[in-house]
Amino acid sequence: MDKQIMSVSIHNDYYVFSISDFSVLISYLFGIVGFGYLMMKIYNKKLIKWLNWMHIIVSISGASILFIVPYLYTENDLVTPNTILILTGLVVIFSQLFYLINIIISIFRKDKSFN
C-alpha cells in the first residue's frame, strides 16, 4: 500500500485519494467550524462547554487517527485499515452533530449563562 494515498472500499466501490487532498479538505472543514465558533463569540452567544469539548476532542483525535492509520498497516492485521477508516470517519461525522446542536441551542437560548 502506497503511503501517499488512502483507499477505502465500500461494498463494490473503491475510493482512492491522496493524503494531501484529504488534508486540504479537513483543513477547510476545520476552518468552517472555526468560523462558526467565531460568529458565536462575536454575537455574544454562550456555547455549552461539555458539547464544545466533546466536539473538539472527537474531531481532532478522529482526524489524527485518519491520517495515522495508513502508515500503521501491516499485512497480518486482523482488522483492515478500511474498517478503521470507515468507523473513524463515521464517528467524526456524527460528532459534528455536537457542534450543530450546540450552535442551535445557543442561538435560540435566552439565558446566556448556561454552561
PDB file of N, CA and C in Angstrom:
ATOM      1  N   MET A   1       0.842  -1.180   0.000  1.00  0.00           N
ATOM      2  CA  MET A   1       0.000   0.000   0.000  1.00  0.00           C
ATOM      3  C   MET A   1       0.883   1.237   0.000  1.00  0.00           C
ATOM      4  N   ASP A   2       0.660   2.115  -0.940  1.00  0.00           N
ATOM      5  CA  ASP A   2       1.427   3.343  -1.040  1.00  0.00           C
ATOM      6  C   ASP A   2       1.079   4.262   0.126  1.00  0.00           C
ATOM      7  N   LYS A   3       2.073   4.894   0.713  1.00  0.00           N
ATOM      8  CA  LYS A   3       1.856   5.726   1.894  1.00  0.00           C
ATOM      9  C   LYS A   3       1.339   7.117   1.540  1.00  0.00           C
ATOM     10  N   GLN A   4       1.309   7.479   0.272  1.00  0.00           N
ATOM     11  CA  GLN A   4       0.842   8.800  -0.123  1.00  0.00           C
ATOM     12  C   GLN A   4      -0.627   8.822  -0.517  1.00  0.00           C
ATOM     13  N   ILE A   5      -1.266   7.675  -0.523  1.00  0.00           N
ATOM     14  CA  ILE A   5      -2.683   7.621  -0.883  1.00  0.00           C
ATOM     15  C   ILE A   5      -3.461   6.866   0.188  1.00  0.00           C
ATOM     16  N   MET A   6      -4.743   7.177   0.243  1.00  0.00           N
ATOM     17  CA  MET A   6      -5.668   6.439   1.098  1.00  0.00           C
ATOM     18  C   MET A   6      -6.659   5.766   0.177  1.00  0.00           C
ATOM     19  N   SER A   7      -7.014   4.551   0.491  1.00  0.00           N
ATOM     20  CA  SER A   7      -8.027   3.869  -0.302  1.00  0.00           C
ATOM     21  C   SER A   7      -9.062   3.279   0.641  1.00  0.00           C
ATOM     22  N   VAL A   8     -10.311   3.468   0.273  1.00  0.00           N
ATOM     23  CA  VAL A   8     -11.423   2.971   1.074  1.00  0.00           C
ATOM     24  C   VAL A   8     -12.335   2.180   0.159  1.00  0.00           C
ATOM     25  N   SER A   9     -12.672   0.984   0.582  1.00  0.00           N
ATOM     26  CA  SER A   9     -13.575   0.137  -0.185  1.00  0.00           C
ATOM     27  C   SER A   9     -14.898   0.032   0.561  1.00  0.00           C
ATOM     28  N   ILE A  10     -15.968   0.493  -0.081  1.00  0.00           N
ATOM     29  CA  ILE A  10     -17.311   0.406   0.487  1.00  0.00           C
ATOM     30  C   ILE A  10     -18.157  -0.382  -0.492  1.00  0.00           C
ATOM     31  N   HIS A  11     -18.576  -1.563  -0.075  1.00  0.00           N
ATOM     32  CA  HIS A  11     -19.318  -2.507  -0.914  1.00  0.00           C
ATOM     33  C   HIS A  11     -18.527  -2.772  -2.197  1.00  0.00           C
ATOM     34  N   ASN A  12     -19.053  -2.389  -3.349  1.00  0.00           N
ATOM     35  CA  ASN A  12     -18.348  -2.621  -4.613  1.00  0.00           C
ATOM     36  C   ASN A  12     -17.610  -1.388  -5.114  1.00  0.00           C
ATOM     37  N   ASP A  13     -17.644  -0.315  -4.344  1.00  0.00           N
ATOM     38  CA  ASP A  13     -16.977   0.928  -4.742  1.00  0.00           C
ATOM     39  C   ASP A  13     -15.618   1.019  -4.057  1.00  0.00           C
ATOM     40  N   TYR A  14     -14.646   1.495  -4.803  1.00  0.00           N
ATOM     41  CA  TYR A  14     -13.287   1.602  -4.300  1.00  0.00           C
ATOM     42  C   TYR A  14     -12.837   3.039  -4.498  1.00  0.00           C
ATOM     43  N   TYR A  15     -12.641   3.772  -3.402  1.00  0.00           N
ATOM     44  CA  TYR A  15     -12.268   5.179  -3.464  1.00  0.00           C
ATOM     45  C   TYR A  15     -10.786   5.325  -3.133  1.00  0.00           C
ATOM     46  N   VAL A  16     -10.065   6.028  -3.993  1.00  0.00           N
ATOM     47  CA  VAL A  16      -8.642   6.274  -3.797  1.00  0.00           C
ATOM     48  C   VAL A  16      -8.421   7.778  -3.878  1.00  0.00           C
ATOM     49  N   PHE A  17      -7.758   8.337  -2.869  1.00  0.00           N
ATOM     50  CA  PHE A  17      -7.460   9.760  -2.884  1.00  0.00           C
ATOM     51  C   PHE A  17      -6.138   9.987  -2.179  1.00  0.00           C
ATOM     52  N   SER A  18      -5.504  11.096  -2.532  1.00  0.00           N
ATOM     53  CA  SER A  18      -4.192  11.370  -1.945  1.00  0.00           C
ATOM     54  C   SER A  18      -4.364  11.959  -0.551  1.00  0.00           C
ATOM     55  N   ILE A  19      -3.381  11.728   0.277  1.00  0.00           N
ATOM     56  CA  ILE A  19      -3.430  12.239   1.641  1.00  0.00           C
ATOM     57  C   ILE A  19      -3.360  13.762   1.636  1.00  0.00           C
ATOM     58  N   SER A  20      -2.637  14.350   0.698  1.00  0.00           N
ATOM     59  CA  SER A  20      -2.557  15.812   0.655  1.00  0.00           C
ATOM     60  C   SER A  20      -3.914  16.423   0.297  1.00  0.00           C
ATOM     61  N   ASP A  21      -4.655  15.807  -0.629  1.00  0.00           N
ATOM     62  CA  ASP A  21      -6.002  16.302  -0.941  1.00  0.00           C
ATOM     63  C   ASP A  21      -6.926  16.153   0.260  1.00  0.00           C
ATOM     64  N   PHE A  22      -6.800  15.045   0.964  1.00  0.00           N
ATOM     65  CA  PHE A  22      -7.623  14.811   2.144  1.00  0.00           C
ATOM     66  C   PHE A  22      -7.296  15.824   3.236  1.00  0.00           C
ATOM     67  N   SER A  23      -6.021  16.163   3.396  1.00  0.00           N
ATOM     68  CA  SER A  23      -5.642  17.136   4.424  1.00  0.00           C
ATOM     69  C   SER A  23      -6.168  18.531   4.086  1.00  0.00           C
ATOM     70  N   VAL A  24      -6.227  18.876   2.804  1.00  0.00           N
ATOM     71  CA  VAL A  24      -6.812  20.161   2.403  1.00  0.00           C
ATOM     72  C   VAL A  24      -8.301  20.183   2.739  1.00  0.00           C
ATOM     73  N   LEU A  25      -8.998  19.096   2.458  1.00  0.00           N
ATOM     74  CA  LEU A  25     -10.421  19.003   2.782  1.00  0.00           C
ATOM     75  C   LEU A  25     -10.650  19.149   4.285  1.00  0.00           C
ATOM     76  N   ILE A  26      -9.878  18.454   5.087  1.00  0.00           N
ATOM     77  CA  ILE A  26     -10.005  18.545   6.544  1.00  0.00           C
ATOM     78  C   ILE A  26      -9.709  19.967   7.014  1.00  0.00           C
ATOM     79  N   SER A  27      -8.727  20.625   6.417  1.00  0.00           N
ATOM     80  CA  SER A  27      -8.396  21.999   6.792  1.00  0.00           C
ATOM     81  C   SER A  27      -9.554  22.940   6.509  1.00  0.00           C
ATOM     82  N   TYR A  28     -10.190  22.789   5.353  1.00  0.00           N
ATOM     83  CA  TYR A  28     -11.360  23.608   5.036  1.00  0.00           C
ATOM     84  C   TYR A  28     -12.487  23.367   6.034  1.00  0.00           C
ATOM     85  N   LEU A  29     -12.724  22.117   6.378  1.00  0.00           N
ATOM     86  CA  LEU A  29     -13.796  21.805   7.326  1.00  0.00           C
ATOM     87  C   LEU A  29     -13.506  22.398   8.703  1.00  0.00           C
ATOM     88  N   PHE A  30     -12.265  22.294   9.170  1.00  0.00           N
ATOM     89  CA  PHE A  30     -11.906  22.912  10.448  1.00  0.00           C
ATOM     90  C   PHE A  30     -12.036  24.435  10.369  1.00  0.00           C
ATOM     91  N   GLY A  31     -11.721  25.024   9.224  1.00  0.00           N
ATOM     92  CA  GLY A  31     -11.890  26.464   9.043  1.00  0.00           C
ATOM     93  C   GLY A  31     -13.344  26.893   9.127  1.00  0.00           C
ATOM     94  N   ILE A  32     -14.236  26.128   8.516  1.00  0.00           N
ATOM     95  CA  ILE A  32     -15.668  26.438   8.566  1.00  0.00           C
ATOM     96  C   ILE A  32     -16.188  26.331   9.998  1.00  0.00           C
ATOM     97  N   VAL A  33     -15.784  25.292  10.692  1.00  0.00           N
ATOM     98  CA  VAL A  33     -16.205  25.120  12.087  1.00  0.00           C
ATOM     99  C   VAL A  33     -15.651  26.259  12.947  1.00  0.00           C
ATOM    100  N   GLY A  34     -14.406  26.625  12.737  1.00  0.00           N
ATOM    101  CA  GLY A  34     -13.805  27.740  13.469  1.00  0.00           C
ATOM    102  C   GLY A  34     -14.526  29.046  13.205  1.00  0.00           C
ATOM    103  N   PHE A  35     -14.974  29.248  11.967  1.00  0.00           N
ATOM    104  CA  PHE A  35     -15.740  30.447  11.631  1.00  0.00           C
ATOM    105  C   PHE A  35     -17.062  30.467  12.400  1.00  0.00           C
ATOM    106  N   GLY A  36     -17.697  29.305  12.541  1.00  0.00           N
ATOM    107  CA  GLY A  36     -18.935  29.219  13.322  1.00  0.00           C
ATOM    108  C   GLY A  36     -18.699  29.587  14.778  1.00  0.00           C
ATOM    109  N   TYR A  37     -17.601  29.099  15.352  1.00  0.00           N
ATOM    110  CA  TYR A  37     -17.267  29.451  16.729  1.00  0.00           C
ATOM    111  C   TYR A  37     -16.973  30.947  16.847  1.00  0.00           C
ATOM    112  N   LEU A  38     -16.305  31.517  15.855  1.00  0.00           N
ATOM    113  CA  LEU A  38     -16.015  32.946  15.863  1.00  0.00           C
ATOM    114  C   LEU A  38     -17.299  33.766  15.819  1.00  0.00           C
ATOM    115  N   MET A  39     -18.257  33.364  14.995  1.00  0.00           N
ATOM    116  CA  MET A  39     -19.537  34.081  14.911  1.00  0.00           C
ATOM    117  C   MET A  39     -20.283  34.037  16.246  1.00  0.00           C
ATOM    118  N   MET A  40     -20.212  32.914  16.918  1.00  0.00           N
ATOM    119  CA  MET A  40     -20.872  32.814  18.222  1.00  0.00           C
ATOM    120  C   MET A  40     -20.208  33.751  19.227  1.00  0.00           C
ATOM    121  N   LYS A  41     -18.899  33.902  19.145  1.00  0.00           N
ATOM    122  CA  LYS A  41     -18.188  34.807  20.047  1.00  0.00           C
ATOM    123  C   LYS A  41     -18.506  36.263  19.713  1.00  0.00           C
ATOM    124  N   ILE A  42     -18.566  36.589  18.429  1.00  0.00           N
ATOM    125  CA  ILE A  42     -18.866  37.961  18.019  1.00  0.00           C
ATOM    126  C   ILE A  42     -20.255  38.381  18.484  1.00  0.00           C
ATOM    127  N   TYR A  43     -21.226  37.484  18.374  1.00  0.00           N
ATOM    128  CA  TYR A  43     -22.606  37.804  18.749  1.00  0.00           C
ATOM    129  C   TYR A  43     -22.909  37.480  20.212  1.00  0.00           C
ATOM    130  N   ASN A  44     -21.886  37.268  21.014  1.00  0.00           N
ATOM    131  CA  ASN A  44     -22.010  37.023  22.457  1.00  0.00           C
ATOM    132  C   ASN A  44     -22.966  35.896  22.805  1.00  0.00           C
ATOM    133  N   LYS A  45     -22.927  34.836  22.069  1.00  0.00           N
ATOM    134  CA  LYS A  45     -23.726  33.653  22.375  1.00  0.00           C
ATOM    135  C   LYS A  45     -22.837  32.685  23.143  1.00  0.00           C
ATOM    136  N   LYS A  46     -23.318  32.212  24.262  1.00  0.00           N
ATOM    137  CA  LYS A  46     -22.559  31.279  25.086  1.00  0.00           C
ATOM    138  C   LYS A  46     -22.843  29.852  24.636  1.00  0.00           C
ATOM    139  N   LEU A  47     -21.789  29.124  24.376  1.00  0.00           N
ATOM    140  CA  LEU A  47     -21.914  27.724  23.980  1.00  0.00           C
ATOM    141  C   LEU A  47     -21.867  26.828  25.215  1.00  0.00           C
ATOM    142  N   ILE A  48     -22.429  25.650  25.094  1.00  0.00           N
ATOM    143  CA  ILE A  48     -22.411  24.680  26.182  1.00  0.00           C
ATOM    144  C   ILE A  48     -21.025  24.033  26.201  1.00  0.00           C
ATOM    145  N   LYS A  49     -20.327  24.174  27.312  1.00  0.00           N
ATOM    146  CA  LYS A  49     -18.913  23.774  27.374  1.00  0.00           C
ATOM    147  C   LYS A  49     -18.690  22.289  27.120  1.00  0.00           C
ATOM    148  N   TRP A  50     -19.504  21.428  27.714  1.00  0.00           N
ATOM    149  CA  TRP A  50     -19.251  19.995  27.551  1.00  0.00           C
ATOM    150  C   TRP A  50     -19.511  19.551  26.121  1.00  0.00           C
ATOM    151  N   LEU A  51     -20.482  20.170  25.422  1.00  0.00           N
ATOM    152  CA  LEU A  51     -20.678  19.862  24.000  1.00  0.00           C
ATOM    153  C   LEU A  51     -19.495  20.376  23.183  1.00  0.00           C
ATOM    154  N   ASN A  52     -19.004  21.539  23.583  1.00  0.00           N
ATOM    155  CA  ASN A  52     -17.826  22.118  22.940  1.00  0.00           C
ATOM    156  C   ASN A  52     -16.642  21.164  23.022  1.00  0.00           C
ATOM    157  N   TRP A  53     -16.345  20.696  24.230  1.00  0.00           N
ATOM    158  CA  TRP A  53     -15.192  19.827  24.432  1.00  0.00           C
ATOM    159  C   TRP A  53     -15.366  18.483  23.743  1.00  0.00           C
ATOM    160  N   MET A  54     -16.577  17.938  23.783  1.00  0.00           N
ATOM    161  CA  MET A  54     -16.827  16.670  23.088  1.00  0.00           C
ATOM    162  C   MET A  54     -16.539  16.822  21.594  1.00  0.00           C
ATOM    163  N   HIS A  55     -17.033  17.906  21.013  1.00  0.00           N
ATOM    164  CA  HIS A  55     -16.830  18.145  19.583  1.00  0.00           C
ATOM    165  C   HIS A  55     -15.349  18.315  19.255  1.00  0.00           C
ATOM    166  N   ILE A  56     -14.662  19.113  20.032  1.00  0.00           N
ATOM    167  CA  ILE A  56     -13.252  19.393  19.759  1.00  0.00           C
ATOM    168  C   ILE A  56     -12.397  18.133  19.914  1.00  0.00           C
ATOM    169  N   ILE A  57     -12.584  17.404  20.993  1.00  0.00           N
ATOM    170  CA  ILE A  57     -11.769  16.209  21.248  1.00  0.00           C
ATOM    171  C   ILE A  57     -12.003  15.141  20.187  1.00  0.00           C
ATOM    172  N   VAL A  58     -13.274  14.875  19.873  1.00  0.00           N
ATOM    173  CA  VAL A  58     -13.568  13.832  18.886  1.00  0.00           C
ATOM    174  C   VAL A  58     -13.088  14.250  17.497  1.00  0.00           C
ATOM    175  N   SER A  59     -13.245  15.521  17.141  1.00  0.00           N
ATOM    176  CA  SER A  59     -12.821  15.977  15.812  1.00  0.00           C
ATOM    177  C   SER A  59     -11.309  15.892  15.635  1.00  0.00           C
ATOM    178  N   ILE A  60     -10.570  16.390  16.594  1.00  0.00           N
ATOM    179  CA  ILE A  60      -9.111  16.397  16.467  1.00  0.00           C
ATOM    180  C   ILE A  60      -8.541  14.980  16.555  1.00  0.00           C
ATOM    181  N   SER A  61      -9.018  14.192  17.514  1.00  0.00           N
ATOM    182  CA  SER A  61      -8.493  12.829  17.621  1.00  0.00           C
ATOM    183  C   SER A  61      -8.913  11.982  16.421  1.00  0.00           C
ATOM    184  N   GLY A  62     -10.127  12.183  15.917  1.00  0.00           N
ATOM    185  CA  GLY A  62     -10.575  11.438  14.736  1.00  0.00           C
ATOM    186  C   GLY A  62      -9.770  11.786  13.499  1.00  0.00           C
ATOM    187  N   ALA A  63      -9.520  13.080  13.298  1.00  0.00           N
ATOM    188  CA  ALA A  63      -8.708  13.488  12.153  1.00  0.00           C
ATOM    189  C   ALA A  63      -7.290  12.938  12.274  1.00  0.00           C
ATOM    190  N   SER A  64      -6.754  12.924  13.481  1.00  0.00           N
ATOM    191  CA  SER A  64      -5.413  12.366  13.692  1.00  0.00           C
ATOM    192  C   SER A  64      -5.380  10.880  13.362  1.00  0.00           C
ATOM    193  N   ILE A  65      -6.395  10.158  13.807  1.00  0.00           N
ATOM    194  CA  ILE A  65      -6.458   8.720  13.515  1.00  0.00           C
ATOM    195  C   ILE A  65      -6.556   8.482  12.015  1.00  0.00           C
ATOM    196  N   LEU A  66      -7.350   9.304  11.321  1.00  0.00           N
ATOM    197  CA  LEU A  66      -7.498   9.134   9.873  1.00  0.00           C
ATOM    198  C   LEU A  66      -6.178   9.323   9.136  1.00  0.00           C
ATOM    199  N   PHE A  67      -5.309  10.199   9.645  1.00  0.00           N
ATOM    200  CA  PHE A  67      -4.024  10.417   8.994  1.00  0.00           C
ATOM    201  C   PHE A  67      -2.985   9.366   9.381  1.00  0.00           C
ATOM    202  N   ILE A  68      -3.102   8.783  10.565  1.00  0.00           N
ATOM    203  CA  ILE A  68      -2.100   7.838  11.052  1.00  0.00           C
ATOM    204  C   ILE A  68      -2.332   6.421  10.540  1.00  0.00           C
ATOM    205  N   VAL A  69      -3.584   6.016  10.386  1.00  0.00           N
ATOM    206  CA  VAL A  69      -3.917   4.622  10.046  1.00  0.00           C
ATOM    207  C   VAL A  69      -3.201   4.105   8.797  1.00  0.00           C
ATOM    208  N   PRO A  70      -3.119   4.849   7.693  1.00  0.00           N
ATOM    209  CA  PRO A  70      -2.444   4.277   6.515  1.00  0.00           C
ATOM    210  C   PRO A  70      -0.973   3.936   6.752  1.00  0.00           C
ATOM    211  N   TYR A  71      -0.334   4.588   7.696  1.00  0.00           N
ATOM    212  CA  TYR A  71       1.081   4.328   7.967  1.00  0.00           C
ATOM    213  C   TYR A  71       1.298   3.144   8.903  1.00  0.00           C
ATOM    214  N   LEU A  72       0.253   2.693   9.587  1.00  0.00           N
ATOM    215  CA  LEU A  72       0.384   1.609  10.556  1.00  0.00           C
ATOM    216  C   LEU A  72      -0.027   0.251  10.010  1.00  0.00           C
ATOM    217  N   TYR A  73      -0.431   0.178   8.779  1.00  0.00           N
ATOM    218  CA  TYR A  73      -0.973  -1.058   8.219  1.00  0.00           C
ATOM    219  C   TYR A  73       0.121  -2.086   7.973  1.00  0.00           C
ATOM    220  N   THR A  74      -0.129  -3.309   8.414  1.00  0.00           N
ATOM    221  CA  THR A  74       0.720  -4.446   8.067  1.00  0.00           C
ATOM    222  C   THR A  74      -0.171  -5.541   7.493  1.00  0.00           C
ATOM    223  N   GLU A  75       0.392  -6.437   6.765  1.00  0.00           N
ATOM    224  CA  GLU A  75      -0.378  -7.485   6.094  1.00  0.00           C
ATOM    225  C   GLU A  75      -1.012  -8.478   7.065  1.00  0.00           C
ATOM    226  N   ASN A  76      -0.511  -8.571   8.279  1.00  0.00           N
ATOM    227  CA  ASN A  76      -1.001  -9.569   9.227  1.00  0.00           C
ATOM    228  C   ASN A  76      -2.079  -9.045  10.169  1.00  0.00           C
ATOM    229  N   ASP A  77      -2.552  -7.833   9.949  1.00  0.00           N
ATOM    230  CA  ASP A  77      -3.574  -7.266  10.826  1.00  0.00           C
ATOM    231  C   ASP A  77      -4.896  -8.004  10.681  1.00  0.00           C
ATOM    232  N   LEU A  78      -5.585  -8.193  11.810  1.00  0.00           N
ATOM    233  CA  LEU A  78      -6.904  -8.818  11.781  1.00  0.00           C
ATOM    234  C   LEU A  78      -7.971  -7.839  11.307  1.00  0.00           C
ATOM    235  N   VAL A  79      -7.808  -6.579  11.657  1.00  0.00           N
ATOM    236  CA  VAL A  79      -8.745  -5.541  11.240  1.00  0.00           C
ATOM    237  C   VAL A  79      -8.088  -4.752  10.120  1.00  0.00           C
ATOM    238  N   THR A  80      -8.775  -4.627   9.013  1.00  0.00           N
ATOM    239  CA  THR A  80      -8.200  -3.915   7.875  1.00  0.00           C
ATOM    240  C   THR A  80      -8.230  -2.413   8.123  1.00  0.00           C
ATOM    241  N   PRO A  81      -7.349  -1.678   7.477  1.00  0.00           N
ATOM    242  CA  PRO A  81      -7.382  -0.221   7.602  1.00  0.00           C
ATOM    243  C   PRO A  81      -8.710   0.355   7.118  1.00  0.00           C
ATOM    244  N   ASN A  82      -9.342  -0.316   6.137  1.00  0.00           N
ATOM    245  CA  ASN A  82     -10.647   0.143   5.665  1.00  0.00           C
ATOM    246  C   ASN A  82     -11.644   0.235   6.801  1.00  0.00           C
ATOM    247  N   THR A  83     -11.690  -0.795   7.619  1.00  0.00           N
ATOM    248  CA  THR A  83     -12.633  -0.824   8.730  1.00  0.00           C
ATOM    249  C   THR A  83     -12.362   0.318   9.696  1.00  0.00           C
ATOM    250  N   ILE A  84     -11.108   0.529  10.022  1.00  0.00           N
ATOM    251  CA  ILE A  84     -10.744   1.603  10.945  1.00  0.00           C
ATOM    252  C   ILE A  84     -11.067   2.957  10.332  1.00  0.00           C
ATOM    253  N   LEU A  85     -10.734   3.157   9.053  1.00  0.00           N
ATOM    254  CA  LEU A  85     -11.011   4.432   8.397  1.00  0.00           C
ATOM    255  C   LEU A  85     -12.502   4.723   8.330  1.00  0.00           C
ATOM    256  N   ILE A  86     -13.292   3.734   7.981  1.00  0.00           N
ATOM    257  CA  ILE A  86     -14.735   3.942   7.863  1.00  0.00           C
ATOM    258  C   ILE A  86     -15.351   4.233   9.227  1.00  0.00           C
ATOM    259  N   LEU A  87     -15.000   3.446  10.242  1.00  0.00           N
ATOM    260  CA  LEU A  87     -15.564   3.670  11.572  1.00  0.00           C
ATOM    261  C   LEU A  87     -15.140   5.019  12.151  1.00  0.00           C
ATOM    262  N   THR A  88     -13.878   5.368  11.993  1.00  0.00           N
ATOM    263  CA  THR A  88     -13.406   6.658  12.489  1.00  0.00           C
ATOM    264  C   THR A  88     -14.071   7.799  11.736  1.00  0.00           C
ATOM    265  N   GLY A  89     -14.194   7.662  10.423  1.00  0.00           N
ATOM    266  CA  GLY A  89     -14.876   8.685   9.637  1.00  0.00           C
ATOM    267  C   GLY A  89     -16.315   8.875  10.066  1.00  0.00           C
ATOM    268  N   LEU A  90     -17.015   7.787  10.332  1.00  0.00           N
ATOM    269  CA  LEU A  90     -18.404   7.888  10.792  1.00  0.00           C
ATOM    270  C   LEU A  90     -18.496   8.550  12.160  1.00  0.00           C
ATOM    271  N   VAL A  91     -17.583   8.215  13.058  1.00  0.00           N
ATOM    272  CA  VAL A  91     -17.582   8.843  14.384  1.00  0.00           C
ATOM    273  C   VAL A  91     -17.325  10.339  14.266  1.00  0.00           C
ATOM    274  N   VAL A  92     -16.377  10.731  13.414  1.00  0.00           N
ATOM    275  CA  VAL A  92     -16.076  12.152  13.228  1.00  0.00           C
ATOM    276  C   VAL A  92     -17.275  12.872  12.609  1.00  0.00           C
ATOM    277  N   ILE A  93     -17.914  12.261  11.631  1.00  0.00           N
ATOM    278  CA  ILE A  93     -19.084  12.884  11.003  1.00  0.00           C
ATOM    279  C   ILE A  93     -20.212  13.047  12.016  1.00  0.00           C
ATOM    280  N   PHE A  94     -20.478  12.000  12.796  1.00  0.00           N
ATOM    281  CA  PHE A  94     -21.545  12.102  13.792  1.00  0.00           C
ATOM    282  C   PHE A  94     -21.179  13.044  14.936  1.00  0.00           C
ATOM    283  N   SER A  95     -19.900  13.236  15.194  1.00  0.00           N
ATOM    284  CA  SER A  95     -19.508  14.181  16.245  1.00  0.00           C
ATOM    285  C   SER A  95     -19.812  15.618  15.841  1.00  0.00           C
ATOM    286  N   GLN A  96     -19.962  15.854  14.558  1.00  0.00           N
ATOM    287  CA  GLN A  96     -20.334  17.191  14.112  1.00  0.00           C
ATOM    288  C   GLN A  96     -21.747  17.545  14.553  1.00  0.00           C
ATOM    289  N   LEU A  97     -22.530  16.533  14.924  1.00  0.00           N
ATOM    290  CA  LEU A  97     -23.854  16.799  15.486  1.00  0.00           C
ATOM    291  C   LEU A  97     -23.735  17.544  16.810  1.00  0.00           C
ATOM    292  N   PHE A  98     -22.677  17.268  17.593  1.00  0.00           N
ATOM    293  CA  PHE A  98     -22.445  18.023  18.826  1.00  0.00           C
ATOM    294  C   PHE A  98     -22.307  19.506  18.501  1.00  0.00           C
ATOM    295  N   TYR A  99     -21.578  19.799  17.451  1.00  0.00           N
ATOM    296  CA  TYR A  99     -21.375  21.179  17.021  1.00  0.00           C
ATOM    297  C   TYR A  99     -22.699  21.820  16.607  1.00  0.00           C
ATOM    298  N   LEU A 100     -23.452  21.143  15.758  1.00  0.00           N
ATOM    299  CA  LEU A 100     -24.720  21.703  15.287  1.00  0.00           C
ATOM    300  C   LEU A 100     -25.719  21.883  16.426  1.00  0.00           C
ATOM    301  N   ILE A 101     -25.832  20.902  17.300  1.00  0.00           N
ATOM    302  CA  ILE A 101     -26.753  21.008  18.433  1.00  0.00           C
ATOM    303  C   ILE A 101     -26.342  22.166  19.334  1.00  0.00           C
ATOM    304  N   ASN A 102     -25.061  22.301  19.578  1.00  0.00           N
ATOM    305  CA  ASN A 102     -24.549  23.381  20.414  1.00  0.00           C
ATOM    306  C   ASN A 102     -24.868  24.743  19.802  1.00  0.00           C
ATOM    307  N   ILE A 103     -24.645  24.901  18.512  1.00  0.00           N
ATOM    308  CA  ILE A 103     -24.922  26.170  17.834  1.00  0.00           C
ATOM    309  C   ILE A 103     -26.420  26.476  17.877  1.00  0.00           C
ATOM    310  N   ILE A 104     -27.258  25.496  17.563  1.00  0.00           N
ATOM    311  CA  ILE A 104     -28.707  25.721  17.523  1.00  0.00           C
ATOM    312  C   ILE A 104     -29.238  26.076  18.908  1.00  0.00           C
ATOM    313  N   ILE A 105     -28.821  25.342  19.930  1.00  0.00           N
ATOM    314  CA  ILE A 105     -29.273  25.653  21.294  1.00  0.00           C
ATOM    315  C   ILE A 105     -28.827  27.054  21.690  1.00  0.00           C
ATOM    316  N   SER A 106     -27.593  27.412  21.368  1.00  0.00           N
ATOM    317  CA  SER A 106     -27.062  28.714  21.759  1.00  0.00           C
ATOM    318  C   SER A 106     -27.746  29.858  21.029  1.00  0.00           C
ATOM    319  N   ILE A 107     -28.144  29.650  19.794  1.00  0.00           N
ATOM    320  CA  ILE A 107     -28.812  30.709  19.036  1.00  0.00           C
ATOM    321  C   ILE A 107     -30.185  31.004  19.623  1.00  0.00           C
ATOM    322  N   PHE A 108     -30.931  29.969  19.963  1.00  0.00           N
ATOM    323  CA  PHE A 108     -32.309  30.154  20.405  1.00  0.00           C
ATOM    324  C   PHE A 108     -32.459  30.299  21.916  1.00  0.00           C
ATOM    325  N   ARG A 109     -31.400  30.170  22.658  1.00  0.00           N
ATOM    326  CA  ARG A 109     -31.473  30.253  24.110  1.00  0.00           C
ATOM    327  C   ARG A 109     -31.470  31.710  24.552  1.00  0.00           C
ATOM    328  N   LYS A 110     -32.356  32.043  25.467  1.00  0.00           N
ATOM    329  CA  LYS A 110     -32.417  33.409  26.007  1.00  0.00           C
ATOM    330  C   LYS A 110     -31.390  33.607  27.120  1.00  0.00           C
ATOM    331  N   ASP A 111     -31.224  32.599  27.973  1.00  0.00           N
ATOM    332  CA  ASP A 111     -30.281  32.671  29.085  1.00  0.00           C
ATOM    333  C   ASP A 111     -28.866  32.482  28.551  1.00  0.00           C
ATOM    334  N   LYS A 112     -27.994  33.454  28.795  1.00  0.00           N
ATOM    335  CA  LYS A 112     -26.645  33.391  28.250  1.00  0.00           C
ATOM    336  C   LYS A 112     -25.643  32.770  29.219  1.00  0.00           C
ATOM    337  N   SER A 113     -26.099  32.334  30.399  1.00  0.00           N
ATOM    338  CA  SER A 113     -25.150  31.835  31.391  1.00  0.00           C
ATOM    339  C   SER A 113     -25.167  30.319  31.525  1.00  0.00           C
ATOM    340  N   PHE A 114     -25.843  29.602  30.661  1.00  0.00           N
ATOM    341  CA  PHE A 114     -25.941  28.139  30.748  1.00  0.00           C
ATOM    342  C   PHE A 114     -24.648  27.508  30.267  1.00  0.00           C
ATOM    343  N   ASN A 115     -23.971  26.767  31.099  1.00  0.00           N
ATOM    344  CA  ASN A 115     -22.752  26.051  30.725  1.00  0.00           C
ATOM    345  C   ASN A 115     -22.783  24.772  31.426  1.00  0.00           C
TER     346      ASN A 115
END
